[in-house]
N, C-alpha and C. Protein backbone atom coordinates (compact mmCIF):
# COMPACT_ATOMS: atom_id res chain seq x y z
N UNK A 1 59.31 115.34 153.32
CA UNK A 1 58.31 115.56 152.11
C UNK A 1 56.83 114.79 152.27
N UNK A 2 55.93 115.93 151.93
CA UNK A 2 54.73 115.64 151.86
C UNK A 2 54.37 115.10 150.20
N UNK A 3 53.83 114.31 150.44
CA UNK A 3 53.43 113.44 149.45
C UNK A 3 51.75 113.53 149.21
N UNK A 4 51.02 113.22 147.92
CA UNK A 4 49.78 113.32 147.46
C UNK A 4 49.32 111.70 146.90
N UNK A 5 48.22 111.35 147.68
CA UNK A 5 48.09 109.99 147.26
C UNK A 5 46.81 110.10 146.33
N UNK A 6 46.17 108.68 146.05
CA UNK A 6 44.78 108.55 145.33
C UNK A 6 44.36 107.60 145.67
N UNK A 7 43.29 107.83 146.40
CA UNK A 7 42.11 106.66 146.73
C UNK A 7 41.08 105.83 146.15
N UNK A 8 41.12 105.01 145.88
CA UNK A 8 40.22 104.09 144.95
C UNK A 8 39.64 102.92 145.63
N UNK A 9 38.44 102.68 144.75
CA UNK A 9 37.65 101.70 145.44
C UNK A 9 37.59 100.56 144.11
N UNK A 10 37.82 99.43 144.79
CA UNK A 10 37.53 98.26 144.15
C UNK A 10 36.77 97.30 144.83
N UNK A 11 35.57 96.64 144.26
CA UNK A 11 34.74 95.48 144.80
C UNK A 11 34.25 96.04 146.16
N UNK A 12 34.01 97.33 147.16
CA UNK A 12 33.51 97.59 148.05
C UNK A 12 35.45 97.78 149.04
N UNK A 13 36.67 97.80 148.36
CA UNK A 13 38.06 97.67 148.94
C UNK A 13 38.34 99.18 148.89
N UNK A 14 39.03 99.62 149.59
CA UNK A 14 39.00 101.29 149.64
C UNK A 14 41.17 100.87 149.92
N UNK A 15 41.47 101.09 148.27
CA UNK A 15 43.19 100.94 147.69
C UNK A 15 43.92 102.77 147.92
N UNK A 16 44.63 103.26 148.32
CA UNK A 16 45.51 104.28 148.52
C UNK A 16 46.66 103.85 147.89
N UNK A 17 47.02 104.73 146.83
CA UNK A 17 48.12 104.56 145.76
C UNK A 17 49.02 105.78 146.22
N UNK A 18 50.29 105.37 146.38
CA UNK A 18 51.10 106.02 146.71
C UNK A 18 51.96 106.67 145.67
N UNK A 19 52.81 107.62 145.83
CA UNK A 19 54.12 108.01 144.86
C UNK A 19 55.05 106.91 144.10
N UNK A 20 55.26 106.10 145.53
CA UNK A 20 56.57 105.12 145.31
C UNK A 20 55.81 104.50 144.36
N UNK A 21 54.75 103.91 143.98
CA UNK A 21 54.16 103.06 143.35
C UNK A 21 54.19 101.82 143.89
N UNK A 22 53.80 101.80 145.07
CA UNK A 22 52.97 101.09 146.48
C UNK A 22 51.52 101.18 146.51
N UNK A 23 50.72 100.15 146.90
CA UNK A 23 48.96 100.69 146.94
C UNK A 23 48.51 99.79 148.51
N UNK A 24 48.12 100.54 149.23
CA UNK A 24 47.81 100.12 150.50
C UNK A 24 46.29 99.80 150.56
N UNK A 25 46.00 98.51 150.61
CA UNK A 25 44.86 97.88 150.91
C UNK A 25 44.44 98.47 152.43
N UNK A 26 43.54 98.95 152.69
CA UNK A 26 42.72 99.65 153.91
C UNK A 26 42.22 98.68 154.46
N UNK A 27 41.26 98.18 154.24
CA UNK A 27 40.75 97.44 154.73
C UNK A 27 41.32 95.94 155.39
N UNK A 28 42.42 95.39 154.93
CA UNK A 28 43.46 94.38 155.50
C UNK A 28 44.52 94.97 155.77
N UNK A 29 45.00 96.22 156.19
CA UNK A 29 45.80 96.72 156.54
C UNK A 29 47.33 96.24 155.83
N UNK A 30 47.26 96.46 154.57
CA UNK A 30 48.25 95.54 153.33
C UNK A 30 48.74 96.23 152.49
N UNK A 31 50.04 96.75 152.73
CA UNK A 31 50.31 97.08 151.58
C UNK A 31 51.10 96.13 150.42
N UNK A 32 50.97 96.91 148.96
CA UNK A 32 50.74 95.88 148.22
C UNK A 32 52.14 97.03 146.91
N UNK A 33 53.29 96.30 146.71
CA UNK A 33 54.42 96.47 145.75
C UNK A 33 54.98 95.23 145.06
N UNK A 34 54.89 95.80 144.03
CA UNK A 34 55.57 95.09 142.53
C UNK A 34 56.86 95.53 142.41
N UNK A 35 57.50 94.46 141.73
CA UNK A 35 58.92 94.81 140.88
C UNK A 35 59.82 95.85 141.50
N UNK A 36 60.28 95.30 142.79
CA UNK A 36 61.84 95.97 143.03
C UNK A 36 62.66 95.65 142.39
N UNK A 37 62.90 94.30 141.83
CA UNK A 37 64.12 94.04 141.37
C UNK A 37 65.66 94.21 141.84
N UNK A 38 65.43 93.92 143.31
CA UNK A 38 66.58 93.76 144.03
C UNK A 38 67.51 92.94 143.43
N UNK A 39 68.82 93.38 143.74
CA UNK A 39 69.76 92.52 143.10
C UNK A 39 70.27 92.96 141.35
N UNK A 40 69.20 93.70 141.14
CA UNK A 40 69.91 94.01 139.75
C UNK A 40 71.01 94.92 139.35
N UNK A 41 70.94 96.13 140.48
CA UNK A 41 71.79 96.89 140.24
C UNK A 41 73.51 96.27 141.03
N UNK A 42 73.33 95.34 141.65
CA UNK A 42 74.34 94.42 141.69
C UNK A 42 74.98 93.66 140.60
N UNK A 43 74.22 93.24 139.67
CA UNK A 43 74.22 92.33 138.92
C UNK A 43 74.82 93.16 137.46
N UNK A 44 74.51 94.77 137.10
CA UNK A 44 74.82 95.10 136.25
C UNK A 44 75.90 95.82 136.58
N UNK A 45 76.81 96.28 137.40
CA UNK A 45 77.72 96.28 138.32
C UNK A 45 78.83 95.70 137.66
N UNK A 46 78.44 94.77 138.30
CA UNK A 46 79.55 93.41 138.65
C UNK A 46 79.80 93.37 136.74
N UNK A 47 78.83 93.22 135.76
CA UNK A 47 79.36 93.70 134.62
C UNK A 47 79.86 94.53 133.95
N UNK A 48 79.78 95.43 134.70
CA UNK A 48 80.74 96.97 133.83
C UNK A 48 80.34 98.06 133.97
N UNK A 49 79.05 97.96 134.21
CA UNK A 49 77.65 99.09 134.02
C UNK A 49 78.06 100.26 134.61
N UNK A 50 78.45 101.46 134.52
CA UNK A 50 78.90 102.53 135.36
C UNK A 50 77.27 102.82 136.47
N UNK A 51 76.98 102.02 137.34
CA UNK A 51 75.96 102.60 138.02
C UNK A 51 76.63 102.76 139.48
N UNK A 52 76.99 103.98 140.19
CA UNK A 52 77.54 104.03 141.60
C UNK A 52 76.50 103.49 142.55
N UNK A 53 77.58 102.97 143.53
CA UNK A 53 77.17 101.97 143.98
C UNK A 53 76.25 102.37 145.44
N UNK A 54 76.03 103.44 145.14
CA UNK A 54 75.17 104.72 146.89
C UNK A 54 73.71 103.45 145.69
N UNK A 55 73.11 103.68 144.50
CA UNK A 55 72.34 103.27 144.14
C UNK A 55 72.11 102.07 144.90
N UNK A 56 72.33 101.29 145.45
CA UNK A 56 71.76 100.18 146.03
C UNK A 56 71.15 100.16 147.20
N UNK A 57 71.22 101.34 147.95
CA UNK A 57 70.53 101.66 149.07
C UNK A 57 69.35 102.40 148.98
N UNK A 58 69.11 102.63 147.27
CA UNK A 58 67.74 103.47 147.69
C UNK A 58 66.64 102.68 147.46
N UNK A 59 66.48 101.12 147.26
CA UNK A 59 65.44 100.86 147.32
C UNK A 59 64.79 100.60 148.57
N UNK A 60 65.94 100.57 149.31
CA UNK A 60 65.72 100.07 150.71
C UNK A 60 65.19 101.48 151.63
N UNK A 61 65.84 102.45 150.85
CA UNK A 61 65.33 103.30 151.30
C UNK A 61 63.77 104.33 151.15
N UNK A 62 63.45 103.57 150.32
CA UNK A 62 62.34 104.12 149.37
C UNK A 62 61.13 102.86 150.05
N UNK A 63 61.65 101.87 150.02
CA UNK A 63 60.70 100.80 151.29
C UNK A 63 60.49 101.33 152.68
N UNK A 64 61.63 101.93 153.14
CA UNK A 64 61.35 102.17 154.34
C UNK A 64 60.59 103.27 154.97
N UNK A 65 60.32 104.57 153.04
CA UNK A 65 59.64 105.45 153.26
C UNK A 65 58.40 105.18 153.27
N UNK A 66 57.90 104.13 152.61
CA UNK A 66 56.40 103.52 152.46
C UNK A 66 56.24 103.19 153.85
N UNK A 67 56.86 102.09 154.09
CA UNK A 67 56.25 101.51 154.95
C UNK A 67 56.00 102.25 156.83
N UNK A 68 56.94 102.93 157.00
CA UNK A 68 56.47 104.59 157.65
C UNK A 68 55.25 105.06 157.29
N UNK A 69 55.56 105.50 156.16
CA UNK A 69 54.21 106.30 155.94
C UNK A 69 52.75 105.27 156.20
N UNK A 70 52.50 104.07 156.21
CA UNK A 70 51.72 103.24 156.05
C UNK A 70 51.64 102.52 157.71
N UNK A 71 52.74 101.92 157.73
CA UNK A 71 53.02 100.91 158.62
C UNK A 71 51.98 99.72 158.98
N UNK A 72 51.97 99.06 157.79
CA UNK A 72 51.38 98.12 157.28
C UNK A 72 51.05 96.66 158.61
N UNK A 73 50.28 96.06 158.73
CA UNK A 73 50.52 94.69 159.72
C UNK A 73 51.00 93.74 158.37
N UNK A 74 50.90 93.95 157.16
CA UNK A 74 51.02 92.75 156.07
C UNK A 74 51.68 93.95 154.58
N UNK A 75 53.24 93.17 154.76
CA UNK A 75 53.62 93.70 153.20
C UNK A 75 54.05 92.42 152.26
N UNK A 76 52.95 92.90 151.40
CA UNK A 76 52.91 91.71 150.00
C UNK A 76 53.77 92.14 149.03
N UNK A 77 54.79 91.40 148.78
CA UNK A 77 55.55 91.32 147.16
C UNK A 77 54.95 91.13 146.00
N UNK A 78 54.21 91.57 144.69
CA UNK A 78 53.63 91.00 143.71
C UNK A 78 54.84 90.38 142.61
N UNK A 79 55.91 90.08 143.14
CA UNK A 79 56.66 89.00 142.51
C UNK A 79 57.91 90.05 142.36
N UNK A 80 58.78 89.16 141.38
CA UNK A 80 60.07 89.80 141.07
C UNK A 80 60.45 91.01 141.76
N UNK A 81 60.78 90.38 143.24
CA UNK A 81 61.28 90.86 144.44
C UNK A 81 62.73 91.10 144.40
N UNK A 82 63.71 89.98 144.01
CA UNK A 82 64.71 89.69 143.17
C UNK A 82 65.05 89.70 141.53
N UNK A 83 66.40 90.07 141.43
CA UNK A 83 66.08 90.08 140.10
C UNK A 83 66.73 88.95 139.42
N UNK A 84 67.94 88.52 140.12
CA UNK A 84 68.55 87.84 140.12
C UNK A 84 68.91 86.45 140.93
N UNK A 85 70.15 85.33 141.03
CA UNK A 85 70.41 85.08 141.85
C UNK A 85 71.40 85.60 142.76
N UNK A 86 71.42 84.82 144.05
CA UNK A 86 72.25 86.05 145.43
C UNK A 86 73.25 86.23 144.83
N UNK A 87 73.51 87.40 145.60
CA UNK A 87 74.24 88.62 145.46
C UNK A 87 74.53 89.60 146.80
N UNK A 88 75.31 90.24 146.41
CA UNK A 88 75.57 91.28 148.08
C UNK A 88 73.84 91.81 148.17
N UNK A 89 73.34 91.93 147.22
CA UNK A 89 72.38 92.50 147.73
C UNK A 89 71.45 91.60 148.52
N UNK A 90 71.51 90.47 148.50
CA UNK A 90 70.37 89.42 149.12
C UNK A 90 71.36 89.69 151.18
N UNK A 91 72.12 90.14 151.04
CA UNK A 91 72.52 90.38 152.67
C UNK A 91 72.41 91.85 153.05
N UNK A 92 71.67 92.93 151.94
CA UNK A 92 71.71 93.94 152.68
C UNK A 92 69.94 93.28 152.96
N UNK A 93 69.10 92.81 151.90
CA UNK A 93 68.10 92.64 152.36
C UNK A 93 67.57 91.36 153.05
N UNK A 94 67.95 90.73 153.79
CA UNK A 94 68.09 89.99 154.96
C UNK A 94 68.20 90.52 156.34
N UNK A 95 68.94 91.67 156.05
CA UNK A 95 69.17 92.61 157.39
C UNK A 95 67.90 93.60 157.37
N UNK A 96 67.50 94.20 156.60
CA UNK A 96 66.12 94.76 156.19
C UNK A 96 64.78 94.26 156.90
N UNK A 97 64.89 93.09 156.23
CA UNK A 97 63.70 92.16 156.78
C UNK A 97 63.78 92.13 158.89
N UNK A 98 65.02 91.68 158.90
CA UNK A 98 65.40 91.35 160.40
C UNK A 98 64.67 92.65 161.41
N UNK A 99 64.70 93.82 160.14
CA UNK A 99 64.70 95.05 161.12
C UNK A 99 63.22 95.85 161.00
N UNK A 100 62.03 94.75 159.96
CA UNK A 100 61.18 94.94 159.83
C UNK A 100 59.74 94.05 160.12
N UNK A 101 58.66 94.52 161.08
CA UNK A 101 58.00 94.14 161.76
C UNK A 101 57.06 93.67 161.26
N UNK A 102 56.19 94.34 160.01
CA UNK A 102 55.33 93.57 159.06
C UNK A 102 55.66 92.46 158.60
N UNK A 103 54.33 91.79 158.52
CA UNK A 103 54.80 90.25 158.30
C UNK A 103 55.13 90.17 156.41
N UNK A 104 55.73 89.46 155.99
CA UNK A 104 55.98 89.46 154.79
C UNK A 104 55.57 88.25 153.99
N UNK A 105 54.97 88.64 153.02
CA UNK A 105 54.78 87.37 151.80
C UNK A 105 55.17 87.97 150.06
N UNK A 106 55.52 86.79 149.74
CA UNK A 106 56.11 87.04 148.29
C UNK A 106 55.31 85.99 147.41
N UNK A 107 54.52 87.18 146.66
CA UNK A 107 53.85 86.07 145.52
C UNK A 107 54.96 85.76 144.60
N UNK A 108 55.49 85.11 144.18
CA UNK A 108 56.87 84.54 143.40
C UNK A 108 56.39 85.08 142.14
N UNK A 109 57.91 85.32 141.21
CA UNK A 109 57.92 86.11 139.93
C UNK A 109 58.44 85.54 139.13
N UNK A 110 58.35 85.92 138.04
CA UNK A 110 59.46 85.39 136.69
C UNK A 110 60.73 85.36 136.94
N UNK A 111 61.05 86.75 137.69
CA UNK A 111 62.40 86.76 138.14
C UNK A 111 63.19 85.92 138.88
N UNK A 112 62.29 85.60 140.10
CA UNK A 112 61.95 84.99 141.26
C UNK A 112 62.80 83.61 141.44
N UNK A 113 63.86 83.29 141.02
CA UNK A 113 64.73 82.13 141.15
C UNK A 113 65.51 81.61 142.50
N UNK A 114 65.60 82.65 143.29
CA UNK A 114 66.37 82.16 144.71
C UNK A 114 65.76 80.93 145.44
N UNK A 115 66.05 80.40 145.63
CA UNK A 115 65.27 79.27 146.42
C UNK A 115 64.27 79.71 147.51
N UNK A 116 62.72 79.16 147.56
CA UNK A 116 62.07 79.44 148.82
C UNK A 116 62.28 78.99 150.16
N UNK A 117 63.38 78.39 149.85
CA UNK A 117 63.77 77.99 151.61
C UNK A 117 64.80 79.13 151.62
N UNK A 118 65.49 80.01 151.12
CA UNK A 118 66.24 81.22 151.73
C UNK A 118 65.25 82.02 152.07
N UNK A 119 64.32 82.27 151.69
CA UNK A 119 62.82 83.21 151.85
C UNK A 119 62.38 82.90 153.44
N UNK A 120 62.48 81.32 153.53
CA UNK A 120 61.92 80.62 154.48
C UNK A 120 62.50 81.02 155.66
N UNK A 121 63.38 81.09 155.70
CA UNK A 121 64.67 81.03 156.75
C UNK A 121 64.55 82.66 157.05
N UNK A 122 64.15 83.81 156.72
CA UNK A 122 63.51 84.82 156.86
C UNK A 122 62.25 84.89 157.46
N UNK A 123 61.15 83.75 157.36
CA UNK A 123 60.14 84.01 157.87
C UNK A 123 59.38 84.79 156.46
N UNK A 124 59.35 84.57 155.46
CA UNK A 124 58.57 85.29 154.57
C UNK A 124 58.26 84.17 153.45
N UNK A 125 56.75 83.96 153.49
CA UNK A 125 55.83 82.79 152.86
C UNK A 125 56.00 83.42 151.42
N UNK A 126 55.78 82.16 150.42
CA UNK A 126 56.40 82.34 149.18
C UNK A 126 55.37 81.34 148.49
N UNK A 127 54.14 82.48 147.45
CA UNK A 127 53.29 81.56 146.74
C UNK A 127 53.10 82.22 145.35
N UNK A 128 52.76 81.40 144.63
CA UNK A 128 52.30 81.25 143.06
C UNK A 128 51.06 82.46 142.80
N UNK A 129 49.58 82.84 144.00
CA UNK A 129 48.85 83.77 143.72
C UNK A 129 48.03 83.46 145.69
N UNK A 130 47.63 84.88 145.25
CA UNK A 130 47.22 84.69 146.49
C UNK A 130 45.29 85.44 146.41
N UNK A 131 44.93 84.36 146.48
CA UNK A 131 42.93 84.91 146.74
C UNK A 131 41.93 85.46 148.17
N UNK A 132 41.72 86.77 147.93
CA UNK A 132 41.38 86.68 149.01
C UNK A 132 40.14 87.61 149.02
N UNK A 133 39.12 86.97 149.30
CA UNK A 133 37.62 87.17 149.09
C UNK A 133 37.76 87.62 147.65
N UNK A 134 37.32 88.39 146.69
CA UNK A 134 37.23 88.38 145.25
C UNK A 134 38.18 89.20 144.63
N UNK A 135 39.70 89.47 145.49
CA UNK A 135 40.34 90.06 144.96
C UNK A 135 41.50 88.65 144.54
N UNK A 136 41.94 89.09 143.66
CA UNK A 136 43.26 88.03 142.88
C UNK A 136 44.84 88.75 142.88
N UNK A 137 45.84 87.83 143.94
CA UNK A 137 46.71 88.68 144.02
C UNK A 137 47.83 88.12 143.57
N UNK A 138 48.49 88.30 142.29
CA UNK A 138 49.08 87.58 140.78
C UNK A 138 50.65 88.92 140.76
N UNK A 139 51.90 87.60 140.04
CA UNK A 139 52.81 88.85 139.60
C UNK A 139 52.33 89.10 138.21
N UNK A 140 52.02 88.04 137.40
CA UNK A 140 51.61 88.47 135.93
C UNK A 140 49.99 88.97 136.25
N UNK A 141 49.61 90.08 135.11
CA UNK A 141 48.22 90.12 134.94
C UNK A 141 47.55 89.01 134.17
N UNK A 142 46.44 88.73 135.24
CA UNK A 142 45.76 87.66 134.74
C UNK A 142 44.00 88.26 134.75
N UNK A 143 43.13 87.62 133.93
CA UNK A 143 41.99 87.80 133.59
C UNK A 143 41.15 86.34 134.37
N UNK A 144 40.69 86.68 135.35
CA UNK A 144 39.91 85.10 135.75
C UNK A 144 38.09 85.84 136.36
N UNK A 145 37.39 85.37 135.79
CA UNK A 145 36.08 85.25 135.79
C UNK A 145 35.47 85.34 137.59
N UNK A 146 34.55 86.59 137.78
CA UNK A 146 34.17 86.93 138.60
C UNK A 146 35.60 87.17 139.93
N UNK A 147 36.31 87.92 139.71
CA UNK A 147 37.70 88.08 140.47
C UNK A 147 38.11 89.03 140.36
N UNK A 148 38.91 90.21 141.23
CA UNK A 148 39.71 91.62 140.63
C UNK A 148 41.26 91.25 140.90
N UNK A 149 41.56 91.34 139.89
CA UNK A 149 43.19 90.99 139.32
C UNK A 149 43.83 92.29 139.90
N UNK A 150 44.94 92.09 140.71
CA UNK A 150 45.91 93.19 141.28
C UNK A 150 47.33 92.49 141.15
N UNK A 151 48.19 93.33 140.06
CA UNK A 151 49.35 92.48 139.58
C UNK A 151 50.71 93.91 139.70
N UNK A 152 51.90 92.82 139.09
CA UNK A 152 52.48 94.12 138.34
C UNK A 152 53.01 93.14 137.30
N UNK A 153 54.85 92.88 137.12
CA UNK A 153 55.49 92.49 135.65
C UNK A 153 55.32 93.29 134.53
N UNK A 154 54.20 94.45 134.24
CA UNK A 154 54.48 94.93 133.31
C UNK A 154 54.93 96.39 133.20
N UNK A 155 55.06 96.57 134.59
CA UNK A 155 55.71 97.50 134.70
C UNK A 155 55.34 99.10 133.88
N UNK A 156 54.06 99.08 133.90
CA UNK A 156 52.96 100.09 133.44
C UNK A 156 53.81 101.53 133.08
N UNK A 157 53.50 102.47 131.80
CA UNK A 157 53.91 103.35 131.86
C UNK A 157 52.81 104.19 131.12
N UNK A 158 53.02 105.36 130.92
CA UNK A 158 52.18 106.44 129.84
C UNK A 158 52.58 107.14 129.21
N UNK A 159 52.13 107.84 128.09
CA UNK A 159 53.08 108.66 127.35
C UNK A 159 51.74 110.04 127.84
N UNK A 160 52.56 111.31 127.94
CA UNK A 160 51.84 112.55 128.09
C UNK A 160 52.52 113.66 127.63
N UNK A 161 51.80 113.76 127.02
CA UNK A 161 51.72 115.29 126.11
C UNK A 161 51.69 116.82 126.66
N UNK A 162 52.48 117.39 126.67
CA UNK A 162 52.96 119.03 127.24
C UNK A 162 52.29 120.04 126.17
N UNK A 163 51.67 121.20 126.64
CA UNK A 163 51.32 122.13 125.71
C UNK A 163 51.64 122.18 123.88
N UNK A 164 53.44 122.36 124.62
CA UNK A 164 54.18 122.28 123.17
C UNK A 164 53.91 120.59 122.46
N UNK A 165 55.31 120.82 122.15
CA UNK A 165 55.86 119.19 121.18
C UNK A 165 56.31 118.33 122.81
N UNK A 166 56.59 119.09 124.07
CA UNK A 166 57.35 117.93 125.15
C UNK A 166 55.82 116.52 125.01
N UNK A 167 56.87 115.94 125.42
CA UNK A 167 56.56 113.90 125.19
C UNK A 167 57.54 113.68 126.52
N UNK A 168 56.55 113.27 127.50
CA UNK A 168 57.33 112.77 128.77
C UNK A 168 56.46 111.04 128.47
N UNK A 169 57.64 110.39 129.23
CA UNK A 169 56.56 108.92 129.71
C UNK A 169 57.60 108.77 130.96
N UNK A 170 56.13 108.39 131.92
CA UNK A 170 55.75 108.69 132.93
C UNK A 170 55.31 107.09 133.51
N UNK A 171 55.17 106.59 134.59
CA UNK A 171 55.32 105.47 135.16
C UNK A 171 54.09 105.74 135.91
N UNK A 172 53.01 104.71 136.07
CA UNK A 172 51.43 104.63 136.50
C UNK A 172 51.22 103.67 137.05
N UNK A 173 50.17 103.95 137.57
CA UNK A 173 49.05 102.64 137.91
C UNK A 173 47.94 102.62 136.98
N UNK A 174 47.65 101.54 136.40
CA UNK A 174 47.20 101.24 135.11
C UNK A 174 45.80 100.47 135.52
N UNK A 175 44.73 101.11 135.40
CA UNK A 175 43.36 100.35 135.87
C UNK A 175 42.15 99.89 134.87
N UNK A 176 42.25 98.63 134.43
CA UNK A 176 41.39 98.22 133.57
C UNK A 176 40.01 97.92 134.46
N UNK A 177 38.93 97.27 133.96
CA UNK A 177 37.27 97.05 134.71
C UNK A 177 37.64 96.17 135.62
N UNK A 178 38.57 95.03 135.58
CA UNK A 178 38.74 93.59 136.43
C UNK A 178 40.17 93.65 137.01
N UNK A 179 41.06 94.58 136.43
CA UNK A 179 42.37 94.54 136.92
C UNK A 179 42.97 95.90 137.59
N UNK A 180 43.83 95.59 137.87
CA UNK A 180 44.53 96.96 138.42
C UNK A 180 46.17 96.64 138.40
N UNK A 181 47.05 97.47 137.59
CA UNK A 181 48.54 96.71 137.34
C UNK A 181 49.26 97.91 137.93
N UNK A 182 50.18 97.20 138.83
CA UNK A 182 50.81 98.30 139.90
C UNK A 182 52.10 98.88 138.98
N UNK A 183 53.00 99.91 139.04
CA UNK A 183 54.20 100.12 138.78
C UNK A 183 55.48 99.46 139.25
N UNK A 184 56.44 99.49 138.49
CA UNK A 184 57.53 98.80 138.85
C UNK A 184 58.12 99.88 139.99
N UNK A 185 58.31 98.92 141.69
CA UNK A 185 58.55 99.91 142.65
C UNK A 185 60.34 100.40 142.56
N UNK A 186 61.00 99.53 141.93
CA UNK A 186 62.38 99.36 142.22
C UNK A 186 63.19 100.44 141.21
N UNK A 187 63.96 101.17 141.32
CA UNK A 187 64.69 102.47 141.04
C UNK A 187 65.26 102.02 139.72
N UNK A 188 66.06 101.16 139.34
CA UNK A 188 66.40 100.85 137.99
C UNK A 188 65.73 99.65 137.11
N UNK A 189 64.24 99.91 136.87
CA UNK A 189 63.42 99.46 135.84
C UNK A 189 62.80 100.34 134.96
N UNK A 190 62.72 99.76 133.87
CA UNK A 190 61.98 100.14 132.54
C UNK A 190 61.03 100.50 132.82
N UNK A 191 59.75 100.88 131.53
CA UNK A 191 58.37 101.02 131.49
C UNK A 191 58.25 100.42 130.48
N UNK A 192 57.18 99.90 130.22
CA UNK A 192 56.31 99.59 128.90
C UNK A 192 54.95 100.36 129.15
N UNK A 193 55.16 101.34 127.91
CA UNK A 193 54.11 102.20 127.82
C UNK A 193 53.18 101.81 127.07
N UNK A 194 51.67 101.54 127.81
CA UNK A 194 50.52 101.05 127.66
C UNK A 194 49.33 102.38 126.97
N UNK A 195 48.79 102.27 125.78
CA UNK A 195 47.67 102.25 125.39
C UNK A 195 46.38 102.10 125.74
N UNK A 196 45.78 103.33 126.61
CA UNK A 196 44.45 102.84 127.36
C UNK A 196 43.41 103.09 126.46
N UNK A 197 42.48 102.43 126.71
CA UNK A 197 41.21 102.64 126.24
C UNK A 197 39.94 103.23 127.18
N UNK A 198 39.09 103.78 126.47
CA UNK A 198 38.19 104.50 127.03
C UNK A 198 37.88 104.52 128.29
N UNK A 199 37.03 102.75 128.91
CA UNK A 199 36.95 102.97 130.06
C UNK A 199 38.50 102.54 131.08
N UNK A 200 39.56 102.73 130.54
CA UNK A 200 40.18 102.68 131.61
C UNK A 200 41.06 103.87 132.21
N UNK A 201 41.68 103.46 133.47
CA UNK A 201 42.06 104.87 134.49
C UNK A 201 43.36 104.97 134.52
N UNK A 202 44.09 105.56 134.44
CA UNK A 202 45.51 105.67 134.31
C UNK A 202 46.03 107.15 135.21
N UNK A 203 46.89 106.28 136.40
CA UNK A 203 47.38 106.97 137.79
C UNK A 203 48.87 107.53 137.53
N UNK A 204 49.52 107.98 137.17
CA UNK A 204 50.75 108.80 136.93
C UNK A 204 51.15 109.28 138.12
N UNK A 205 52.50 108.69 138.31
CA UNK A 205 53.21 108.97 139.40
C UNK A 205 54.28 110.00 139.16
N UNK A 206 54.68 111.22 140.29
CA UNK A 206 55.71 111.64 139.96
C UNK A 206 56.39 111.27 141.79
N UNK A 207 57.77 112.05 142.16
CA UNK A 207 58.33 111.18 143.39
C UNK A 207 57.17 112.18 144.34
N UNK A 208 56.36 113.35 144.30
CA UNK A 208 55.52 113.10 145.42
C UNK A 208 54.20 113.65 145.07
N UNK A 209 53.59 112.66 144.16
CA UNK A 209 51.95 112.89 143.99
C UNK A 209 51.87 111.97 142.88
N UNK A 210 50.50 111.26 143.40
CA UNK A 210 49.90 110.17 142.29
C UNK A 210 48.68 111.32 141.79
N UNK A 211 48.96 111.15 140.16
CA UNK A 211 47.78 111.81 139.66
C UNK A 211 47.01 111.49 138.58
N UNK A 212 45.52 111.44 138.35
CA UNK A 212 44.68 110.70 137.72
C UNK A 212 44.75 111.57 136.20
N UNK A 213 45.14 110.75 135.04
CA UNK A 213 45.15 110.93 133.99
C UNK A 213 43.78 111.34 133.40
N UNK A 214 43.73 112.44 132.73
CA UNK A 214 42.45 112.92 131.69
C UNK A 214 42.90 112.34 130.39
N UNK A 215 42.47 111.00 129.94
CA UNK A 215 42.47 110.78 129.09
C UNK A 215 41.72 111.12 127.30
N UNK A 216 40.72 111.97 128.11
CA UNK A 216 40.34 111.94 126.98
C UNK A 216 39.25 113.05 127.05
């Protein structure tokens, strides 16, 4: 499948936005992914939700897809990698990590309640934030003077109006003056609709394309 990305420049650094919701930091050879929420599907299935078992593998297929596309040296998860406690998906994740050649770093989010020791066993570094030059990587969106913040947590979405009365809510990258919020990567996540202001930029994602939205 041919995908169409969008390239943006932040503080003289180049970021490529991918339809999966991942962002590739070109100068650092680093892939940024937020809010995968592994384990959520198993959690809901255990509690009686009619979610097909095949859905368990979709997030790993998407991870493989975007890693193959960029082949980054470093993969940084911006929080909420896992949705809950250990379950079947942790075993799938462990197997996936062992086959992955990229160095993996986790910026812990509010859902990341699994012990850091478990991640260390997989050679995954866990941190509360990561400051690289003028770029601040966090899970929750933050405003810190002198830095540009890249985060997740919000699961940003945008409402798009059609030529008639059609109304579509779609995931997006949401860029403010000093902040970029990544869409949720996980397939079993919701969206929080944001109302952009005049100076904001919105990049909606489809299965194959990242599209800058004309807000005005």
